[in-house]
């Protein structure tokens, strides 16, 4: 069929040289169209066998039966349709699937190993989009099936996300970030909290004192408000306060955790104002292109791109 099609194409390329009349040109066009159609149908009828690794890691043959070009827009689309129907290829994954197929050797499963499992293990379905790995981790963390954590040098979980919303861009696929089963994470967190309490008590010989209420100095404003910080165990949950504020330094690795744990829970109530001051002072100085990167990022966020610069060479 392909030889016929190529022969008709050669004749079509030389139709001017051959001096074909109108009747011959029409026949040539019809024969070329028919040859192309026959070739396409021949391909569809021929490439009907699909081979892949089954769940036992053995070669499996799938006979797709009699196919034609009317079966789908393309042969690739038809193959993907069959694979998705059989569960061999998935667009989304349930977090519970990771729980059921958690490797027994891992209490902490690195996100890179999770990603690699989908591309190496026959037990795992193949994915149409690698972002699906981040998506299933985010949904599992938000739903409380497992936690997403990093580890400090002394083995503590930091940062740690559990039962809180997390964006796909915040999930890092690497050997240094992990997902941890719900039971493991809760037990570990409880132990770390208990150790911290014991350490605090032993350092003073007695329980930590309750924080005192602090009154702010009166402002020159006609409206005088008292800012108080009640002790945690003295809260009366029937009360309400006109304003709450906090200031302090946040390590860069905790920015996302701070946003998820503190900020996102207050957005819906309204009246939220965030003031940010960022100071960057590396030992080697900041090259001009880094400053421009900062400005570009601010502009993309719709913020003022004015950056305060200090040139130490001039002592200014």
Protein backbone atom coordinates (compact mmCIF):
# COMPACT_ATOMS: atom_id res chain seq x y z
CA UNK A 1 0.00 0.00 0.00
CA UNK A 2 2.84 2.37 0.79
CA UNK A 3 4.58 1.58 -2.50
CA UNK A 4 1.39 2.45 -4.37
CA UNK A 5 1.04 5.71 -2.48
CA UNK A 6 4.68 6.68 -3.17
CA UNK A 7 4.26 5.86 -6.86
CA UNK A 8 1.19 8.07 -7.17
CA UNK A 9 3.03 10.86 -5.30
CA UNK A 10 5.92 10.64 -7.79
CA UNK A 11 3.50 10.95 -10.71
CA UNK A 12 1.80 13.91 -9.01
CA UNK A 13 5.18 15.65 -8.60
CA UNK A 14 5.82 15.32 -12.36
CA UNK A 15 2.31 16.08 -13.62
CA UNK A 16 3.51 19.24 -15.39
CA UNK A 17 6.34 17.41 -17.17
CA UNK A 18 4.03 14.56 -18.18
CA UNK A 19 1.58 17.00 -19.72
CA UNK A 20 -1.52 15.41 -18.18
CA UNK A 21 -4.90 16.64 -19.37
CA UNK A 22 -7.74 17.61 -17.02
CA UNK A 23 -9.28 14.13 -17.03
CA UNK A 24 -5.96 12.50 -16.18
CA UNK A 25 -5.33 15.06 -13.41
CA UNK A 26 -8.69 14.24 -11.81
CA UNK A 27 -7.97 10.53 -11.94
CA UNK A 28 -4.49 11.15 -10.50
CA UNK A 29 -5.97 13.15 -7.60
CA UNK A 30 -8.56 10.44 -6.89
CA UNK A 31 -5.97 7.63 -7.02
CA UNK A 32 -3.57 9.55 -4.74
CA UNK A 33 -6.31 10.24 -2.20
CA UNK A 34 -7.40 6.59 -2.30
CA UNK A 35 -3.81 5.36 -1.84
CA UNK A 36 -3.23 7.61 1.17
CA UNK A 37 -6.48 6.46 2.77
CA UNK A 38 -5.63 2.80 2.16
CA UNK A 39 -2.18 3.28 3.72
CA UNK A 40 -3.66 4.83 6.88
CA UNK A 41 -6.18 2.01 7.26
CA UNK A 42 -3.45 -0.57 6.67
CA UNK A 43 -1.41 0.94 9.54
CA UNK A 44 -4.43 0.84 11.86
CA UNK A 45 -5.11 -2.81 11.00
CA UNK A 46 -1.47 -3.83 11.37
CA UNK A 47 -0.31 -2.13 14.60
CA UNK A 48 -2.88 -3.82 16.81
CA UNK A 49 -0.53 -5.43 19.37
CA UNK A 50 0.58 -3.54 22.47
CA UNK A 51 3.25 -4.92 24.81
CA UNK A 52 3.99 -3.79 28.36
CA UNK A 53 5.14 -5.13 31.72
CA UNK A 54 2.34 -6.59 33.84
CA UNK A 55 2.06 -6.54 37.66
CA UNK A 56 4.38 -9.56 37.88
CA UNK A 57 7.00 -7.78 35.78
CA UNK A 58 6.34 -10.15 32.87
CA UNK A 59 5.81 -9.15 29.24
CA UNK A 60 2.10 -8.81 28.54
CA UNK A 61 0.52 -8.69 25.06
CA UNK A 62 -2.69 -6.78 24.49
CA UNK A 63 -4.51 -7.47 21.23
CA UNK A 64 -6.50 -4.35 20.39
CA UNK A 65 -8.57 -6.18 17.79
CA UNK A 66 -9.82 -4.80 14.49
CA UNK A 67 -9.19 -1.06 14.41
CA UNK A 68 -9.76 1.66 11.86
CA UNK A 69 -9.01 5.36 11.56
CA UNK A 70 -12.58 6.08 12.67
CA UNK A 71 -11.80 4.57 16.11
CA UNK A 72 -10.04 7.74 17.30
CA UNK A 73 -8.36 10.92 16.12
CA UNK A 74 -4.98 9.16 16.16
CA UNK A 75 -3.46 5.78 16.91
CA UNK A 76 -1.68 7.22 19.96
CA UNK A 77 -4.93 8.58 21.38
CA UNK A 78 -6.59 5.20 20.91
CA UNK A 79 -3.73 3.36 22.67
CA UNK A 80 -3.88 5.79 25.62
CA UNK A 81 -7.64 5.35 25.82
CA UNK A 82 -7.25 1.56 26.11
CA UNK A 83 -4.46 1.86 28.69
CA UNK A 84 -6.49 4.27 30.82
CA UNK A 85 -9.52 2.00 30.58
CA UNK A 86 -7.42 -0.92 31.88
CA UNK A 87 -5.89 1.20 34.67
CA UNK A 88 -2.38 1.00 33.21
CA UNK A 89 -2.19 4.78 32.75
CA UNK A 90 -3.74 7.28 35.18
CA UNK A 91 -4.34 11.00 35.15
CA UNK A 92 -4.88 11.21 38.93
CA UNK A 93 -3.81 9.07 41.89
CA UNK A 94 -5.51 8.67 45.26
CA UNK A 95 -3.37 9.31 48.37
CA UNK A 96 -4.74 6.03 49.68
CA UNK A 97 -2.97 4.26 46.81
CA UNK A 98 0.39 5.40 48.26
CA UNK A 99 -0.67 4.16 51.71
CA UNK A 100 -1.58 0.72 50.31
CA UNK A 101 1.69 0.42 48.37
CA UNK A 102 4.03 1.98 50.95
CA UNK A 103 7.39 0.14 50.84
CA UNK A 104 7.79 -1.80 54.12
CA UNK A 105 11.45 -0.74 54.37
CA UNK A 106 10.58 2.99 54.53
CA UNK A 107 9.21 4.82 57.55
CA UNK A 108 10.16 8.03 55.74
CA UNK A 109 9.61 7.81 51.98
CA UNK A 110 11.60 10.38 50.02
CA UNK A 111 9.64 12.29 47.40
CA UNK A 112 12.19 11.33 44.75
CA UNK A 113 11.60 7.64 45.51
CA UNK A 114 7.84 8.19 45.31
CA UNK A 115 8.26 9.79 41.89
CA UNK A 116 10.63 7.06 40.66
CA UNK A 117 8.23 4.30 41.73
CA UNK A 118 5.68 5.47 39.15
CA UNK A 119 8.28 5.18 36.40
CA UNK A 120 9.93 1.92 37.46
CA UNK A 121 7.58 -0.33 39.40
CA UNK A 122 5.01 -2.36 37.39
CA UNK A 123 2.70 -2.22 40.41
CA UNK A 124 2.32 1.52 39.97
CA UNK A 125 0.28 2.96 37.07
CA UNK A 126 2.05 5.14 34.54
CA UNK A 127 1.33 8.85 34.66
CA UNK A 128 0.45 11.21 31.83
CA UNK A 129 1.84 14.20 33.75
CA UNK A 130 4.74 14.13 36.26
CA UNK A 131 2.96 16.89 38.24
CA UNK A 132 0.51 14.20 39.36
CA UNK A 133 3.10 13.11 41.95
CA UNK A 134 3.08 16.56 43.54
CA UNK A 135 -0.71 16.64 43.36
CA UNK A 136 -1.19 13.34 45.20
CA UNK A 137 1.30 14.41 47.91
CA UNK A 138 -0.49 17.74 48.38
CA UNK A 139 -3.89 16.02 48.66
CA UNK A 140 -2.53 13.41 51.06
CA UNK A 141 -1.04 16.09 53.30
CA UNK A 142 -4.20 18.21 53.24
CA UNK A 143 -6.39 15.18 53.97
CA UNK A 144 -4.18 13.96 56.83
CA UNK A 145 -3.21 10.61 55.28
CA UNK A 146 0.47 11.46 55.67
CA UNK A 147 2.81 14.38 56.40
CA UNK A 148 5.34 16.12 54.16
CA UNK A 149 8.55 16.88 56.03
CA UNK A 150 12.19 17.80 55.84
CA UNK A 151 14.81 16.78 58.39
CA UNK A 152 17.29 18.87 60.34
CA UNK A 153 20.79 17.74 61.20
CA UNK A 154 19.61 16.31 64.54
CA UNK A 155 16.79 14.38 62.87
CA UNK A 156 13.86 16.64 63.74
CA UNK A 157 11.05 17.16 61.24
CA UNK A 158 11.44 20.68 59.86
CA UNK A 159 9.68 21.97 57.90
CA UNK A 160 6.60 19.83 58.48
CA UNK A 161 3.17 19.96 56.81
CA UNK A 162 0.24 17.92 58.05
CA UNK A 163 -3.51 18.48 57.68
CA UNK A 164 -2.84 21.86 56.10
CA UNK A 165 -3.13 23.13 52.51
CA UNK A 166 0.10 23.14 50.53
CA UNK A 167 0.72 24.29 46.97
CA UNK A 168 2.24 22.07 44.29
CA UNK A 169 5.13 24.52 43.87
CA UNK A 170 5.96 24.08 47.58
CA UNK A 171 6.55 20.34 47.17
CA UNK A 172 10.16 19.48 46.38
CA UNK A 173 11.01 16.23 44.60
CA UNK A 174 14.35 15.30 46.16
CA UNK A 175 16.12 12.88 48.49
CA UNK A 176 15.91 15.44 51.33
CA UNK A 177 12.11 15.76 51.55
CA UNK A 178 9.86 12.92 52.71
CA UNK A 179 6.31 11.78 53.24
CA UNK A 180 5.62 10.14 56.60
CA UNK A 181 2.63 8.04 57.63
CA UNK A 182 0.08 9.75 59.83
CA UNK A 183 0.75 7.44 62.80
CA UNK A 184 4.53 7.85 62.53
CA UNK A 185 4.30 11.63 62.28
CA UNK A 186 1.90 12.04 65.21
CA UNK A 187 3.97 9.75 67.44
CA UNK A 188 7.20 11.55 66.50
CA UNK A 189 5.68 15.00 67.04
CA UNK A 190 4.27 13.97 70.42
CA UNK A 191 7.68 12.68 71.49
CA UNK A 192 9.47 15.86 70.39
CA UNK A 193 6.90 18.03 72.22
CA UNK A 194 7.29 15.97 75.39
CA UNK A 195 11.08 16.18 75.18
CA UNK A 196 10.87 19.94 74.77
CA UNK A 197 8.59 20.27 77.80
CA UNK A 198 10.88 18.14 79.96
CA UNK A 199 13.91 20.15 78.83
CA UNK A 200 12.13 23.42 79.68
CA UNK A 201 11.09 22.17 83.12
CA UNK A 202 14.52 20.78 83.94
CA UNK A 203 16.29 24.01 82.97
CA UNK A 204 14.37 26.01 85.62
CA UNK A 205 13.56 23.29 88.12
CA UNK A 206 9.88 24.25 87.92
CA UNK A 207 7.16 24.75 85.31
CA UNK A 208 7.47 27.73 83.02
CA UNK A 209 5.71 30.85 84.33
CA UNK A 210 2.57 32.15 82.68
CA UNK A 211 3.08 35.23 80.55
CA UNK A 212 1.87 38.46 82.14
CA UNK A 213 -0.59 40.83 80.52
CA UNK A 214 1.30 43.69 78.91
CA UNK A 215 -0.18 47.13 78.36
CA UNK A 216 1.07 49.26 75.51
CA UNK A 217 1.86 52.94 76.14
CA UNK A 218 -0.88 55.37 75.26
CA UNK A 219 -0.70 56.82 71.78
CA UNK A 220 -1.37 60.41 70.79
CA UNK A 221 -4.52 59.18 69.02
CA UNK A 222 -7.86 60.20 70.49
CA UNK A 223 -8.81 56.52 70.54
CA UNK A 224 -6.85 54.78 73.31
CA UNK A 225 -6.70 50.99 73.02
CA UNK A 226 -5.11 48.56 75.42
CA UNK A 227 -3.07 45.76 73.83
CA UNK A 228 -3.11 42.65 76.00
CA UNK A 229 -1.69 39.19 75.56
CA UNK A 230 -3.62 36.76 77.80
CA UNK A 231 -1.93 33.59 78.94
CA UNK A 232 -2.93 30.65 76.79
CA UNK A 233 -4.74 28.76 79.57
CA UNK A 234 -6.60 31.90 80.65
CA UNK A 235 -8.45 32.41 77.36
CA UNK A 236 -12.17 32.89 77.69
CA UNK A 237 -13.44 31.68 74.34
CA UNK A 238 -16.60 33.74 74.75
CA UNK A 239 -14.47 36.89 74.47
CA UNK A 240 -13.31 38.67 71.33
CA UNK A 241 -10.53 41.14 70.70
CA UNK A 242 -10.45 44.17 68.45
CA UNK A 243 -7.01 43.47 67.07
CA UNK A 244 -4.22 40.90 67.16
CA UNK A 245 -0.68 41.44 65.88
CA UNK A 246 2.69 39.73 65.92
CA UNK A 247 6.20 40.63 64.81
CA UNK A 248 9.38 38.63 64.73
CA UNK A 249 11.96 36.97 62.51
CA UNK A 250 11.11 33.85 60.51
CA UNK A 251 13.83 31.52 59.13
CA UNK A 252 13.55 31.19 55.32
CA UNK A 253 12.83 27.47 55.56
CA UNK A 254 9.72 28.25 57.65
CA UNK A 255 8.13 30.90 55.43
CA UNK A 256 5.78 28.49 53.69
CA UNK A 257 4.94 26.79 57.00
CA UNK A 258 4.20 30.19 58.59
CA UNK A 259 1.93 31.12 55.69
CA UNK A 260 0.00 27.84 55.85
CA UNK A 261 -0.24 27.60 59.64
CA UNK A 262 -0.97 31.25 60.45
CA UNK A 263 -1.86 33.44 57.47
CA UNK A 264 -4.20 31.24 55.40
CA UNK A 265 -6.47 30.61 58.40
CA UNK A 266 -7.06 34.36 58.82
CA UNK A 267 -7.65 35.41 55.21
CA UNK A 268 -11.35 34.58 55.15
CA UNK A 269 -12.19 36.79 58.15
CA UNK A 270 -10.90 39.93 56.43
CA UNK A 271 -9.02 42.82 58.01
CA UNK A 272 -5.66 41.14 57.46
CA UNK A 273 -2.67 43.39 56.80
CA UNK A 274 0.84 42.01 56.28
CA UNK A 275 3.92 44.23 56.42
CA UNK A 276 7.19 42.67 55.28
CA UNK A 277 10.79 43.84 55.60
CA UNK A 278 13.41 41.71 53.86
CA UNK A 279 17.13 42.26 54.49
CA UNK A 280 19.70 40.42 52.38
CA UNK A 281 23.34 40.83 53.39
CA UNK A 282 25.55 37.93 52.22
CA UNK A 283 29.26 37.99 52.98
CA UNK A 284 30.25 38.34 49.33
CA UNK A 285 27.84 41.14 48.61
CA UNK A 286 24.87 41.16 46.22
CA UNK A 287 25.67 41.38 42.47
CA UNK A 288 23.57 43.71 40.33
CA UNK A 289 21.85 40.86 38.48
CA UNK A 290 20.54 39.51 41.81
CA UNK A 291 19.06 42.91 42.59
CA UNK A 292 17.39 42.94 39.18
CA UNK A 293 15.95 39.48 39.88
CA UNK A 294 14.39 40.87 43.06
CA UNK A 295 12.93 43.82 41.18
CA UNK A 296 11.54 41.58 38.43
CA UNK A 297 9.90 39.36 41.02
CA UNK A 298 8.30 42.34 42.74
CA UNK A 299 7.00 43.68 39.43
CA UNK A 300 5.51 40.28 38.54
CA UNK A 301 3.61 40.38 41.85
CA UNK A 302 2.33 43.89 41.09
CA UNK A 303 4.41 45.42 43.90
CA UNK A 304 6.69 48.45 43.98
CA UNK A 305 10.13 47.52 42.68
CA UNK A 306 12.05 50.10 44.71
CA UNK A 307 14.87 48.27 46.52
CA UNK A 308 16.99 50.06 49.12
CA UNK A 309 20.68 49.50 48.30
CA UNK A 310 23.75 50.21 50.40
CA UNK A 311 27.18 50.44 48.80
CA UNK A 312 29.74 49.57 51.47
CA UNK A 313 32.58 50.77 49.26
CA UNK A 314 31.33 54.31 49.70
CA UNK A 315 30.39 53.78 53.32
CA UNK A 316 26.86 54.87 52.49
